[in-house]
Amino acid sequence: MSHVHVRFRYAGWGELDLMARLAGLRLRRRYGGWAGEPFRDGCAYHVSVYERADRA
């Protein structure tokens, strides 16, 4: 058995939006969870859907 050490870092939705914008994407929709709950301030989770910015 072998172990692999991986470092993870949390990226909040604001940082993800910035990275997406720099990659030519824009936010299409944001949910408060995988079941499609509305996203509100204070949500513990978010599911963000991005699309290419050059698409209408």
PDB file of N, CA and C in Angstrom:
ATOM      1  N   MET A   1       0.849  -1.176   0.000  1.00  0.00           N
ATOM      2  CA  MET A   1       0.000   0.000   0.000  1.00  0.00           C
ATOM      3  C   MET A   1       0.895   1.241   0.000  1.00  0.00           C
ATOM      4  N   SER A   2       0.560   2.214  -0.808  1.00  0.00           N
ATOM      5  CA  SER A   2       1.322   3.456  -0.838  1.00  0.00           C
ATOM      6  C   SER A   2       0.401   4.635  -0.523  1.00  0.00           C
ATOM      7  N   HIS A   3       1.003   5.678  -0.046  1.00  0.00           N
ATOM      8  CA  HIS A   3       0.256   6.887   0.298  1.00  0.00           C
ATOM      9  C   HIS A   3       0.718   8.023  -0.599  1.00  0.00           C
ATOM     10  N   VAL A   4      -0.220   8.826  -0.998  1.00  0.00           N
ATOM     11  CA  VAL A   4       0.085  10.004  -1.796  1.00  0.00           C
ATOM     12  C   VAL A   4      -0.343  11.224  -0.988  1.00  0.00           C
ATOM     13  N   HIS A   5       0.553  12.148  -0.810  1.00  0.00           N
ATOM     14  CA  HIS A   5       0.237  13.372  -0.080  1.00  0.00           C
ATOM     15  C   HIS A   5      -0.142  14.460  -1.084  1.00  0.00           C
ATOM     16  N   VAL A   6      -1.319  15.013  -0.887  1.00  0.00           N
ATOM     17  CA  VAL A   6      -1.826  16.053  -1.788  1.00  0.00           C
ATOM     18  C   VAL A   6      -2.271  17.226  -0.933  1.00  0.00           C
ATOM     19  N   ARG A   7      -1.928  18.407  -1.366  1.00  0.00           N
ATOM     20  CA  ARG A   7      -2.379  19.617  -0.671  1.00  0.00           C
ATOM     21  C   ARG A   7      -3.581  20.194  -1.402  1.00  0.00           C
ATOM     22  N   PHE A   8      -4.606  20.516  -0.659  1.00  0.00           N
ATOM     23  CA  PHE A   8      -5.793  21.151  -1.204  1.00  0.00           C
ATOM     24  C   PHE A   8      -5.941  22.523  -0.574  1.00  0.00           C
ATOM     25  N   ARG A   9      -6.544  23.398  -1.311  1.00  0.00           N
ATOM     26  CA  ARG A   9      -6.795  24.745  -0.814  1.00  0.00           C
ATOM     27  C   ARG A   9      -8.212  25.126  -1.188  1.00  0.00           C
ATOM     28  N   TYR A  10      -8.952  25.656  -0.247  1.00  0.00           N
ATOM     29  CA  TYR A  10     -10.318  26.094  -0.497  1.00  0.00           C
ATOM     30  C   TYR A  10     -10.300  27.360  -1.344  1.00  0.00           C
ATOM     31  N   ALA A  11     -11.134  27.380  -2.372  1.00  0.00           N
ATOM     32  CA  ALA A  11     -11.333  28.586  -3.181  1.00  0.00           C
ATOM     33  C   ALA A  11     -12.805  28.956  -3.078  1.00  0.00           C
ATOM     34  N   GLY A  12     -13.078  30.121  -2.570  1.00  0.00           N
ATOM     35  CA  GLY A  12     -14.461  30.585  -2.446  1.00  0.00           C
ATOM     36  C   GLY A  12     -15.041  30.955  -3.798  1.00  0.00           C
ATOM     37  N   TRP A  13     -16.349  31.205  -3.808  1.00  0.00           N
ATOM     38  CA  TRP A  13     -17.015  31.487  -5.082  1.00  0.00           C
ATOM     39  C   TRP A  13     -16.491  32.764  -5.731  1.00  0.00           C
ATOM     40  N   GLY A  14     -16.089  33.741  -4.973  1.00  0.00           N
ATOM     41  CA  GLY A  14     -15.550  34.972  -5.547  1.00  0.00           C
ATOM     42  C   GLY A  14     -14.246  34.730  -6.287  1.00  0.00           C
ATOM     43  N   GLU A  15     -13.385  33.913  -5.700  1.00  0.00           N
ATOM     44  CA  GLU A  15     -12.118  33.584  -6.352  1.00  0.00           C
ATOM     45  C   GLU A  15     -12.345  32.718  -7.594  1.00  0.00           C
ATOM     46  N   LEU A  16     -13.294  31.782  -7.502  1.00  0.00           N
ATOM     47  CA  LEU A  16     -13.620  30.954  -8.672  1.00  0.00           C
ATOM     48  C   LEU A  16     -14.178  31.809  -9.807  1.00  0.00           C
ATOM     49  N   ASP A  17     -15.014  32.792  -9.467  1.00  0.00           N
ATOM     50  CA  ASP A  17     -15.553  33.701 -10.497  1.00  0.00           C
ATOM     51  C   ASP A  17     -14.425  34.458 -11.192  1.00  0.00           C
ATOM     52  N   LEU A  18     -13.453  34.922 -10.420  1.00  0.00           N
ATOM     53  CA  LEU A  18     -12.317  35.640 -10.997  1.00  0.00           C
ATOM     54  C   LEU A  18     -11.508  34.725 -11.918  1.00  0.00           C
ATOM     55  N   MET A  19     -11.207  33.511 -11.456  1.00  0.00           N
ATOM     56  CA  MET A  19     -10.451  32.580 -12.303  1.00  0.00           C
ATOM     57  C   MET A  19     -11.223  32.243 -13.574  1.00  0.00           C
ATOM     58  N   ALA A  20     -12.525  32.081 -13.459  1.00  0.00           N
ATOM     59  CA  ALA A  20     -13.349  31.784 -14.633  1.00  0.00           C
ATOM     60  C   ALA A  20     -13.307  32.951 -15.613  1.00  0.00           C
ATOM     61  N   ARG A  21     -13.454  34.170 -15.099  1.00  0.00           N
ATOM     62  CA  ARG A  21     -13.429  35.358 -15.969  1.00  0.00           C
ATOM     63  C   ARG A  21     -12.097  35.479 -16.689  1.00  0.00           C
ATOM     64  N   LEU A  22     -11.005  35.222 -15.985  1.00  0.00           N
ATOM     65  CA  LEU A  22      -9.682  35.276 -16.607  1.00  0.00           C
ATOM     66  C   LEU A  22      -9.506  34.198 -17.673  1.00  0.00           C
ATOM     67  N   ALA A  23     -10.275  33.108 -17.556  1.00  0.00           N
ATOM     68  CA  ALA A  23     -10.212  32.013 -18.529  1.00  0.00           C
ATOM     69  C   ALA A  23     -11.211  32.201 -19.667  1.00  0.00           C
ATOM     70  N   GLY A  24     -11.928  33.336 -19.673  1.00  0.00           N
ATOM     71  CA  GLY A  24     -12.890  33.597 -20.744  1.00  0.00           C
ATOM     72  C   GLY A  24     -14.270  33.007 -20.501  1.00  0.00           C
ATOM     73  N   LEU A  25     -14.590  32.757 -19.232  1.00  0.00           N
ATOM     74  CA  LEU A  25     -15.895  32.212 -18.874  1.00  0.00           C
ATOM     75  C   LEU A  25     -16.697  33.241 -18.112  1.00  0.00           C
ATOM     76  N   ARG A  26     -17.997  33.015 -18.039  1.00  0.00           N
ATOM     77  CA  ARG A  26     -18.851  33.867 -17.199  1.00  0.00           C
ATOM     78  C   ARG A  26     -19.820  32.977 -16.441  1.00  0.00           C
ATOM     79  N   LEU A  27     -20.269  33.478 -15.321  1.00  0.00           N
ATOM     80  CA  LEU A  27     -21.193  32.727 -14.476  1.00  0.00           C
ATOM     81  C   LEU A  27     -22.541  32.627 -15.167  1.00  0.00           C
ATOM     82  N   ARG A  28     -23.042  31.417 -15.280  1.00  0.00           N
ATOM     83  CA  ARG A  28     -24.370  31.215 -15.849  1.00  0.00           C
ATOM     84  C   ARG A  28     -25.408  31.051 -14.745  1.00  0.00           C
ATOM     85  N   ARG A  29     -25.054  30.283 -13.713  1.00  0.00           N
ATOM     86  CA  ARG A  29     -25.996  30.028 -12.630  1.00  0.00           C
ATOM     87  C   ARG A  29     -25.234  29.563 -11.397  1.00  0.00           C
ATOM     88  N   ARG A  30     -25.726  29.904 -10.224  1.00  0.00           N
ATOM     89  CA  ARG A  30     -25.114  29.434  -8.978  1.00  0.00           C
ATOM     90  C   ARG A  30     -26.218  28.880  -8.079  1.00  0.00           C
ATOM     91  N   TYR A  31     -25.958  27.700  -7.545  1.00  0.00           N
ATOM     92  CA  TYR A  31     -26.905  27.025  -6.668  1.00  0.00           C
ATOM     93  C   TYR A  31     -26.316  26.894  -5.272  1.00  0.00           C
ATOM     94  N   GLY A  32     -27.166  26.644  -4.312  1.00  0.00           N
ATOM     95  CA  GLY A  32     -26.732  26.457  -2.935  1.00  0.00           C
ATOM     96  C   GLY A  32     -26.374  25.021  -2.598  1.00  0.00           C
ATOM     97  N   GLY A  33     -26.466  24.114  -3.556  1.00  0.00           N
ATOM     98  CA  GLY A  33     -26.121  22.709  -3.340  1.00  0.00           C
ATOM     99  C   GLY A  33     -26.386  21.901  -4.591  1.00  0.00           C
ATOM    100  N   TRP A  34     -26.044  20.619  -4.541  1.00  0.00           N
ATOM    101  CA  TRP A  34     -26.172  19.754  -5.711  1.00  0.00           C
ATOM    102  C   TRP A  34     -27.617  19.509  -6.116  1.00  0.00           C
ATOM    103  N   ALA A  35     -28.562  19.700  -5.203  1.00  0.00           N
ATOM    104  CA  ALA A  35     -29.975  19.469  -5.509  1.00  0.00           C
ATOM    105  C   ALA A  35     -30.637  20.694  -6.138  1.00  0.00           C
ATOM    106  N   GLY A  36     -29.867  21.752  -6.393  1.00  0.00           N
ATOM    107  CA  GLY A  36     -30.401  22.946  -7.040  1.00  0.00           C
ATOM    108  C   GLY A  36     -31.041  23.951  -6.099  1.00  0.00           C
ATOM    109  N   GLU A  37     -30.704  23.870  -4.820  1.00  0.00           N
ATOM    110  CA  GLU A  37     -31.252  24.831  -3.863  1.00  0.00           C
ATOM    111  C   GLU A  37     -30.804  26.240  -4.234  1.00  0.00           C
ATOM    112  N   PRO A  38     -31.608  27.243  -3.913  1.00  0.00           N
ATOM    113  CA  PRO A  38     -31.201  28.629  -4.190  1.00  0.00           C
ATOM    114  C   PRO A  38     -29.931  28.987  -3.414  1.00  0.00           C
ATOM    115  N   PHE A  39     -29.061  29.753  -4.049  1.00  0.00           N
ATOM    116  CA  PHE A  39     -27.845  30.225  -3.383  1.00  0.00           C
ATOM    117  C   PHE A  39     -28.173  31.518  -2.652  1.00  0.00           C
ATOM    118  N   ARG A  40     -27.830  31.560  -1.381  1.00  0.00           N
ATOM    119  CA  ARG A  40     -28.066  32.746  -0.547  1.00  0.00           C
ATOM    120  C   ARG A  40     -26.807  33.024   0.265  1.00  0.00           C
ATOM    121  N   ASP A  41     -26.676  34.251   0.723  1.00  0.00           N
ATOM    122  CA  ASP A  41     -25.566  34.573   1.631  1.00  0.00           C
ATOM    123  C   ASP A  41     -25.600  33.619   2.809  1.00  0.00           C
ATOM    124  N   GLY A  42     -24.467  33.122   3.173  1.00  0.00           N
ATOM    125  CA  GLY A  42     -24.371  32.213   4.299  1.00  0.00           C
ATOM    126  C   GLY A  42     -24.498  30.749   3.933  1.00  0.00           C
ATOM    127  N   CYS A  43     -24.730  30.440   2.654  1.00  0.00           N
ATOM    128  CA  CYS A  43     -24.791  29.033   2.232  1.00  0.00           C
ATOM    129  C   CYS A  43     -23.444  28.369   2.494  1.00  0.00           C
ATOM    130  N   ALA A  44     -23.490  27.169   3.023  1.00  0.00           N
ATOM    131  CA  ALA A  44     -22.253  26.437   3.295  1.00  0.00           C
ATOM    132  C   ALA A  44     -21.633  25.898   2.014  1.00  0.00           C
ATOM    133  N   TYR A  45     -22.442  25.702   0.977  1.00  0.00           N
ATOM    134  CA  TYR A  45     -21.970  25.123  -0.275  1.00  0.00           C
ATOM    135  C   TYR A  45     -22.416  25.976  -1.447  1.00  0.00           C
ATOM    136  N   HIS A  46     -21.746  25.790  -2.559  1.00  0.00           N
ATOM    137  CA  HIS A  46     -22.204  26.413  -3.802  1.00  0.00           C
ATOM    138  C   HIS A  46     -21.826  25.527  -4.966  1.00  0.00           C
ATOM    139  N   VAL A  47     -22.686  25.511  -5.954  1.00  0.00           N
ATOM    140  CA  VAL A  47     -22.416  24.835  -7.211  1.00  0.00           C
ATOM    141  C   VAL A  47     -22.530  25.926  -8.266  1.00  0.00           C
ATOM    142  N   SER A  48     -21.424  26.235  -8.900  1.00  0.00           N
ATOM    143  CA  SER A  48     -21.382  27.314  -9.887  1.00  0.00           C
ATOM    144  C   SER A  48     -21.256  26.730 -11.277  1.00  0.00           C
ATOM    145  N   VAL A  49     -22.069  27.216 -12.187  1.00  0.00           N
ATOM    146  CA  VAL A  49     -22.061  26.760 -13.583  1.00  0.00           C
ATOM    147  C   VAL A  49     -21.578  27.921 -14.432  1.00  0.00           C
ATOM    148  N   TYR A  50     -20.526  27.674 -15.215  1.00  0.00           N
ATOM    149  CA  TYR A  50     -19.952  28.708 -16.060  1.00  0.00           C
ATOM    150  C   TYR A  50     -20.129  28.333 -17.528  1.00  0.00           C
ATOM    151  N   GLU A  51     -20.094  29.357 -18.376  1.00  0.00           N
ATOM    152  CA  GLU A  51     -20.147  29.148 -19.819  1.00  0.00           C
ATOM    153  C   GLU A  51     -19.144  30.055 -20.491  1.00  0.00           C
ATOM    154  N   ARG A  52     -18.835  29.737 -21.729  1.00  0.00           N
ATOM    155  CA  ARG A  52     -17.907  30.594 -22.472  1.00  0.00           C
ATOM    156  C   ARG A  52     -18.531  31.967 -22.634  1.00  0.00           C
ATOM    157  N   ALA A  53     -17.729  33.008 -22.421  1.00  0.00           N
ATOM    158  CA  ALA A  53     -18.230  34.386 -22.462  1.00  0.00           C
ATOM    159  C   ALA A  53     -18.617  34.818 -23.865  1.00  0.00           C
ATOM    160  N   ASP A  54     -18.103  34.163 -24.899  1.00  0.00           N
ATOM    161  CA  ASP A  54     -18.410  34.580 -26.271  1.00  0.00           C
ATOM    162  C   ASP A  54     -19.708  33.968 -26.784  1.00  0.00           C
ATOM    163  N   ARG A  55     -20.431  33.264 -25.950  1.00  0.00           N
ATOM    164  CA  ARG A  55     -21.736  32.672 -26.329  1.00  0.00           C
ATOM    165  C   ARG A  55     -22.852  33.505 -25.753  1.00  0.00           C
ATOM    166  N   ALA A  56     -23.899  33.680 -26.524  1.00  0.00           N
ATOM    167  CA  ALA A  56     -25.030  34.505 -26.066  1.00  0.00           C
ATOM    168  C   ALA A  56     -25.952  33.716 -25.177  1.00  0.00           C
TER     169      ALA A  56
END
